Amino acid sequence: DNLTEVPELHEAAVLHALDSRFAHGAIYTLTGPVLLAVNPFRSLPDLYSQEMLRSFAGIGHSYNTASSRPHVFGIAAKALAGIRERYESQTVLISGESGAGKTETTKFVMQFLALAGAEKSEGVSLQATAQSPSQGVRSGVSKLERRVLGSNPLLEAFGNAQTLRNDNSSRFGKYIELQFARPELMGDEAHPRLVGARIRTYLLEKVRVISQNPGERSFHIFYQALAAPADSELDLTGFAGYSPDSFAYLRHGSTDYDVSSESFEATLAAMRSIGLHSA
């Protein structure tokens, strides 16, 4: 589980260890305090289930045992422990090449940090809330926690695009700051809760709006709007009968325009979750 246990640590040994673990379905490997992740390019629902998140949150399990296992929730749990036990700011740096899984990893870290305290305090159904942030009213998740969980689809719609290596590539950088109150201020002596958040974006690839490389696309929002259902809450009748090929800024990229109508509805739901509503 940890590369520090390899007798001779060099590039060949690291690559062999990662390849061997990947062949057995283990995509996470620790090397000291750093977590290495290999994109599985397939869905692994059990790896991020409610029970898995609960185990790393220390609910009904041994926290020390869970946090020593290689998993993105383990990294998030250590950050939360630093806030809870030492009242110190924590930083989680997620980096990697295009298609490595940075966008998904960021979402899992935010999911854990937003929900772990809520679960301990309210008995929240983590999995249901993560899949449908609007259910937070009934599950005990605060309005702010719901907004944090619901912000990702909106960021992806306006800032992500299909590239040759990645169908959901972030074309901008972002610094996400999650703010926690001291537990005693929340009336809970053990579990800090999320009370604020701020997202700073930078280096947006604006040129992609007007020009894309062959096989790539512009930002998701353009294709989502064109694929939106006829009964959408927004009046998009002006787009009726049009396809991406109808627009000079879109027709030079990928000709694969398979976009589900549900993706646009998810973007609208994200807008509602952060307080944006149609006029």
Protein backbone atom coordinates (compact mmCIF):
# COMPACT_ATOMS: atom_id res chain seq x y z
CA ASP A 1 0.00 0.00 0.00
CA ASN A 2 2.96 2.34 0.59
CA LEU A 3 5.96 2.61 -1.71
CA THR A 4 8.19 3.47 1.25
CA GLU A 5 8.08 -0.26 2.00
CA VAL A 6 9.76 -1.12 -1.33
CA PRO A 7 13.36 -2.25 -0.60
CA GLU A 8 14.90 -0.23 -3.43
CA LEU A 9 12.88 2.78 -4.49
CA HIS A 10 13.70 3.91 -8.03
CA GLU A 11 11.68 4.72 -11.15
CA ALA A 12 11.50 1.14 -12.46
CA ALA A 13 10.42 -0.19 -9.06
CA VAL A 14 7.74 2.51 -8.71
CA LEU A 15 6.31 1.82 -12.17
CA HIS A 16 6.33 -1.95 -11.59
CA ALA A 17 4.55 -1.56 -8.24
CA LEU A 18 1.90 0.73 -9.72
CA ASP A 19 1.36 -1.60 -12.67
CA SER A 20 1.04 -4.66 -10.42
CA ARG A 21 -1.43 -2.95 -8.11
CA PHE A 22 -3.46 -1.61 -11.05
CA ALA A 23 -3.71 -5.15 -12.47
CA HIS A 24 -5.31 -6.21 -9.17
CA GLY A 25 -7.78 -3.32 -9.19
CA ALA A 26 -5.88 -1.06 -6.78
CA ILE A 27 -5.69 2.40 -8.33
CA TYR A 28 -4.36 4.21 -5.23
CA THR A 29 -0.87 3.86 -3.76
CA LEU A 30 0.80 5.88 -1.02
CA THR A 31 4.38 7.07 -1.07
CA GLY A 32 4.82 8.64 2.33
CA PRO A 33 2.22 11.43 2.66
CA VAL A 34 1.67 11.60 -1.12
CA LEU A 35 -1.12 9.62 -2.79
CA LEU A 36 -0.53 8.34 -6.32
CA ALA A 37 -3.64 7.62 -8.42
CA VAL A 38 -3.94 5.81 -11.74
CA ASN A 39 -7.04 6.62 -13.80
CA PRO A 40 -9.00 3.35 -14.17
CA PHE A 41 -11.04 4.71 -17.13
CA ARG A 42 -14.06 2.84 -15.82
CA SER A 43 -16.66 3.29 -13.10
CA LEU A 44 -15.76 1.97 -9.64
CA PRO A 45 -18.88 2.76 -7.57
CA ASP A 46 -17.94 0.64 -4.55
CA LEU A 47 -14.67 2.54 -4.19
CA TYR A 48 -16.59 5.73 -3.33
CA SER A 49 -19.68 4.29 -1.67
CA GLN A 50 -21.40 5.62 1.44
CA GLU A 51 -19.84 2.85 3.52
CA MET A 52 -16.37 3.69 2.20
CA LEU A 53 -16.79 7.38 3.03
CA ARG A 54 -18.11 6.52 6.48
CA SER A 55 -15.08 4.33 7.17
CA PHE A 56 -12.67 7.18 6.44
CA ALA A 57 -14.81 9.64 8.40
CA GLY A 58 -14.31 7.38 11.43
CA ILE A 59 -17.97 6.57 11.87
CA GLY A 60 -18.32 3.10 13.35
CA HIS A 61 -14.73 2.30 12.32
CA SER A 62 -11.19 2.89 13.51
CA TYR A 63 -10.10 6.25 12.08
CA ASN A 64 -6.37 5.50 12.40
CA THR A 65 -6.73 2.21 10.53
CA ALA A 66 -8.87 3.72 7.78
CA SER A 67 -6.68 6.79 7.25
CA SER A 68 -3.59 4.64 6.68
CA ARG A 69 -5.16 2.97 3.63
CA PRO A 70 -4.38 4.50 0.20
CA HIS A 71 -7.52 6.34 -0.89
CA VAL A 72 -8.49 9.88 -1.82
CA PHE A 73 -10.87 9.90 1.16
CA GLY A 74 -7.85 9.16 3.37
CA ILE A 75 -6.10 12.32 2.19
CA ALA A 76 -9.27 14.35 2.78
CA ALA A 77 -9.69 12.75 6.22
CA LYS A 78 -6.18 13.78 7.24
CA ALA A 79 -6.90 17.35 6.16
CA LEU A 80 -10.12 17.36 8.18
CA ALA A 81 -8.27 15.91 11.18
CA GLY A 82 -5.76 18.76 10.99
CA ILE A 83 -8.63 21.24 11.18
CA ARG A 84 -10.41 19.36 13.96
CA GLU A 85 -7.40 18.53 16.15
CA ARG A 86 -4.93 21.38 15.55
CA TYR A 87 -7.13 24.21 14.20
CA GLU A 88 -4.61 24.68 11.37
CA SER A 89 -5.31 25.47 7.71
CA GLN A 90 -4.75 22.50 5.41
CA THR A 91 -3.85 22.29 1.72
CA VAL A 92 -4.63 19.43 -0.69
CA LEU A 93 -2.67 19.78 -3.94
CA ILE A 94 -4.06 17.76 -6.86
CA SER A 95 -1.86 17.63 -9.95
CA GLY A 96 -1.24 15.38 -12.94
CA GLU A 97 -1.23 15.21 -16.70
CA SER A 98 -4.34 15.63 -18.85
CA GLY A 99 -6.74 12.74 -18.31
CA ALA A 100 -5.15 11.65 -15.05
CA GLY A 101 -8.36 12.23 -13.08
CA LYS A 102 -7.78 15.60 -11.40
CA THR A 103 -11.35 16.82 -11.92
CA GLU A 104 -12.93 13.70 -10.41
CA THR A 105 -10.42 13.61 -7.56
CA THR A 106 -11.23 17.22 -6.68
CA LYS A 107 -14.94 16.36 -6.54
CA PHE A 108 -14.31 13.42 -4.19
CA VAL A 109 -12.20 15.59 -1.83
CA MET A 110 -14.91 18.27 -1.75
CA GLN A 111 -17.58 15.62 -1.22
CA PHE A 112 -15.76 14.21 1.79
CA LEU A 113 -15.00 17.56 3.40
CA ALA A 114 -18.54 18.85 2.89
CA LEU A 115 -20.30 15.73 4.13
CA ALA A 116 -18.10 14.09 6.76
CA GLY A 117 -18.97 16.66 9.46
CA ALA A 118 -22.63 16.64 8.46
CA GLU A 119 -22.77 12.84 8.75
CA LYS A 120 -21.28 12.85 12.22
CA SER A 121 -23.59 15.59 13.43
CA GLU A 122 -26.85 14.68 11.71
CA GLY A 123 -26.68 11.08 10.50
CA VAL A 124 -26.77 12.21 6.86
CA SER A 125 -27.12 9.75 4.01
CA LEU A 126 -23.87 10.67 2.30
CA GLN A 127 -24.39 8.82 -0.95
CA ALA A 128 -27.89 10.14 -1.55
CA THR A 129 -26.89 13.70 -0.74
CA ALA A 130 -23.83 13.61 -3.01
CA GLN A 131 -25.91 12.33 -5.90
CA SER A 132 -28.72 14.83 -5.31
CA PRO A 133 -27.59 17.89 -3.35
CA SER A 134 -31.13 19.28 -3.34
CA GLN A 135 -32.08 16.55 -0.86
CA GLY A 136 -29.96 18.27 1.77
CA VAL A 137 -32.97 20.01 3.34
CA ARG A 138 -34.32 16.67 4.44
CA SER A 139 -30.99 15.03 5.24
CA GLY A 140 -29.57 17.68 7.58
CA VAL A 141 -26.97 19.09 5.18
CA SER A 142 -26.74 22.87 5.45
CA LYS A 143 -27.54 25.22 2.58
CA LEU A 144 -23.85 26.09 2.22
CA GLU A 145 -22.83 22.42 2.10
CA ARG A 146 -25.43 21.82 -0.61
CA ARG A 147 -24.05 24.74 -2.62
CA VAL A 148 -20.51 23.39 -2.42
CA LEU A 149 -21.67 19.97 -3.59
CA GLY A 150 -23.78 21.48 -6.37
CA SER A 151 -21.16 23.84 -7.79
CA ASN A 152 -19.11 21.31 -9.76
CA PRO A 153 -21.53 20.71 -12.67
CA LEU A 154 -21.69 24.48 -13.22
CA LEU A 155 -17.91 24.85 -13.26
CA GLU A 156 -17.59 21.93 -15.65
CA ALA A 157 -20.26 23.23 -18.04
CA PHE A 158 -18.54 26.59 -18.53
CA GLY A 159 -14.91 25.56 -17.99
CA ASN A 160 -14.49 21.97 -19.25
CA ALA A 161 -14.28 20.63 -22.78
CA GLN A 162 -13.57 17.49 -24.76
CA THR A 163 -9.95 17.07 -25.83
CA LEU A 164 -8.16 14.27 -27.66
CA ARG A 165 -7.16 12.68 -24.36
CA ASN A 166 -10.06 13.54 -22.07
CA ASP A 167 -13.80 13.97 -22.62
CA ASN A 168 -14.13 16.21 -19.55
CA SER A 169 -10.91 18.18 -19.41
CA SER A 170 -10.74 21.28 -17.19
CA ARG A 171 -9.51 24.12 -19.37
CA PHE A 172 -8.76 26.39 -16.42
CA GLY A 173 -7.07 26.31 -13.05
CA LYS A 174 -8.93 26.72 -9.79
CA TYR A 175 -8.12 27.31 -6.17
CA ILE A 176 -10.92 26.13 -3.90
CA GLU A 177 -11.01 27.39 -0.34
CA LEU A 178 -13.33 25.64 2.11
CA GLN A 179 -13.84 27.41 5.42
CA PHE A 180 -14.65 25.60 8.67
CA ALA A 181 -15.81 27.08 11.97
CA ARG A 182 -14.26 26.05 15.25
CA PRO A 183 -16.43 23.24 16.67
CA GLU A 184 -17.33 25.16 19.85
CA LEU A 185 -18.83 27.94 17.70
CA MET A 186 -21.14 25.40 16.07
CA GLY A 187 -22.35 23.90 19.35
CA ASP A 188 -20.52 20.65 18.62
CA GLU A 189 -17.34 19.91 20.55
CA ALA A 190 -15.99 17.27 18.15
CA HIS A 191 -16.97 17.91 14.54
CA PRO A 192 -16.25 21.10 12.57
CA ARG A 193 -18.82 22.01 9.93
CA LEU A 194 -18.35 23.79 6.63
CA VAL A 195 -19.45 27.42 6.95
CA GLY A 196 -17.98 29.12 3.88
CA ALA A 197 -16.34 28.54 0.51
CA ARG A 198 -14.59 30.50 -2.19
CA ILE A 199 -13.44 29.44 -5.64
CA ARG A 200 -10.81 31.39 -7.55
CA THR A 201 -10.39 30.54 -11.22
CA TYR A 202 -7.50 31.49 -13.47
CA LEU A 203 -5.94 30.78 -16.87
CA LEU A 204 -9.24 30.04 -18.60
CA GLU A 205 -8.55 28.84 -22.15
CA LYS A 206 -10.68 31.56 -23.78
CA VAL A 207 -9.36 30.85 -27.29
CA ARG A 208 -11.31 27.57 -27.24
CA VAL A 209 -14.54 29.56 -27.64
CA ILE A 210 -13.67 30.53 -31.20
CA SER A 211 -11.27 27.77 -32.30
CA GLN A 212 -10.75 24.09 -31.50
CA ASN A 213 -8.21 21.57 -32.70
CA PRO A 214 -9.48 18.72 -34.92
CA GLY A 215 -11.20 16.11 -32.76
CA GLU A 216 -11.75 18.52 -29.85
CA ARG A 217 -14.73 20.62 -28.77
CA SER A 218 -15.55 23.96 -27.25
CA PHE A 219 -16.90 24.24 -23.71
CA HIS A 220 -19.68 21.83 -22.72
CA ILE A 221 -22.33 24.51 -22.21
CA PHE A 222 -22.74 25.18 -25.96
CA TYR A 223 -23.52 21.53 -26.74
CA GLN A 224 -25.69 21.13 -23.65
CA ALA A 225 -27.89 24.05 -24.71
CA LEU A 226 -28.30 22.63 -28.21
CA ALA A 227 -29.26 19.22 -26.77
CA ALA A 228 -31.61 20.64 -24.11
CA PRO A 229 -35.08 19.08 -23.97
CA ALA A 230 -37.97 20.99 -25.53
CA ASP A 231 -39.70 21.28 -22.14
CA SER A 232 -36.68 22.85 -20.42
CA GLU A 233 -37.48 25.57 -17.91
CA LEU A 234 -35.50 28.01 -20.07
CA ASP A 235 -36.87 29.26 -23.37
CA LEU A 236 -34.42 27.83 -25.92
CA THR A 237 -36.74 27.82 -28.91
CA GLY A 238 -34.19 29.93 -30.78
CA PHE A 239 -31.90 26.88 -30.87
CA ALA A 240 -34.57 24.57 -32.34
CA GLY A 241 -33.42 22.82 -35.50
CA TYR A 242 -29.78 23.85 -35.05
CA SER A 243 -26.74 21.66 -34.43
CA PRO A 244 -23.11 22.56 -33.61
CA ASP A 245 -22.39 22.41 -37.34
CA SER A 246 -24.70 25.42 -37.73
CA PHE A 247 -22.25 27.69 -35.89
CA ALA A 248 -18.91 28.88 -37.26
CA TYR A 249 -17.30 28.78 -33.80
CA LEU A 250 -18.23 25.11 -33.27
CA ARG A 251 -18.12 23.35 -36.63
CA HIS A 252 -14.34 23.09 -36.93
CA GLY A 253 -13.84 20.84 -33.93
CA SER A 254 -15.07 17.31 -33.21
CA THR A 255 -18.02 16.04 -35.22
CA ASP A 256 -19.05 13.75 -32.34
CA TYR A 257 -21.82 15.70 -30.63
CA ASP A 258 -23.32 12.97 -28.44
CA VAL A 259 -24.56 15.01 -25.46
CA SER A 260 -27.47 13.91 -23.27
CA SER A 261 -30.28 16.32 -22.47
CA GLU A 262 -29.82 15.42 -18.79
CA SER A 263 -26.45 17.20 -18.73
CA PHE A 264 -28.12 20.57 -19.35
CA GLU A 265 -30.69 19.87 -16.64
CA ALA A 266 -27.81 19.07 -14.26
CA THR A 267 -26.26 22.44 -15.08
CA LEU A 268 -29.57 24.20 -14.35
CA ALA A 269 -29.86 22.31 -11.06
CA ALA A 270 -26.35 23.47 -10.14
CA MET A 271 -27.36 27.06 -10.90
CA ARG A 272 -30.39 26.73 -8.64
CA SER A 273 -28.30 25.21 -5.85
CA ILE A 274 -26.08 28.29 -5.68
CA GLY A 275 -28.99 30.72 -5.87
CA LEU A 276 -29.27 31.44 -9.61
CA HIS A 277 -32.80 31.22 -11.01
CA SER A 278 -34.41 31.93 -14.36
CA ALA A 279 -36.20 35.25 -14.64
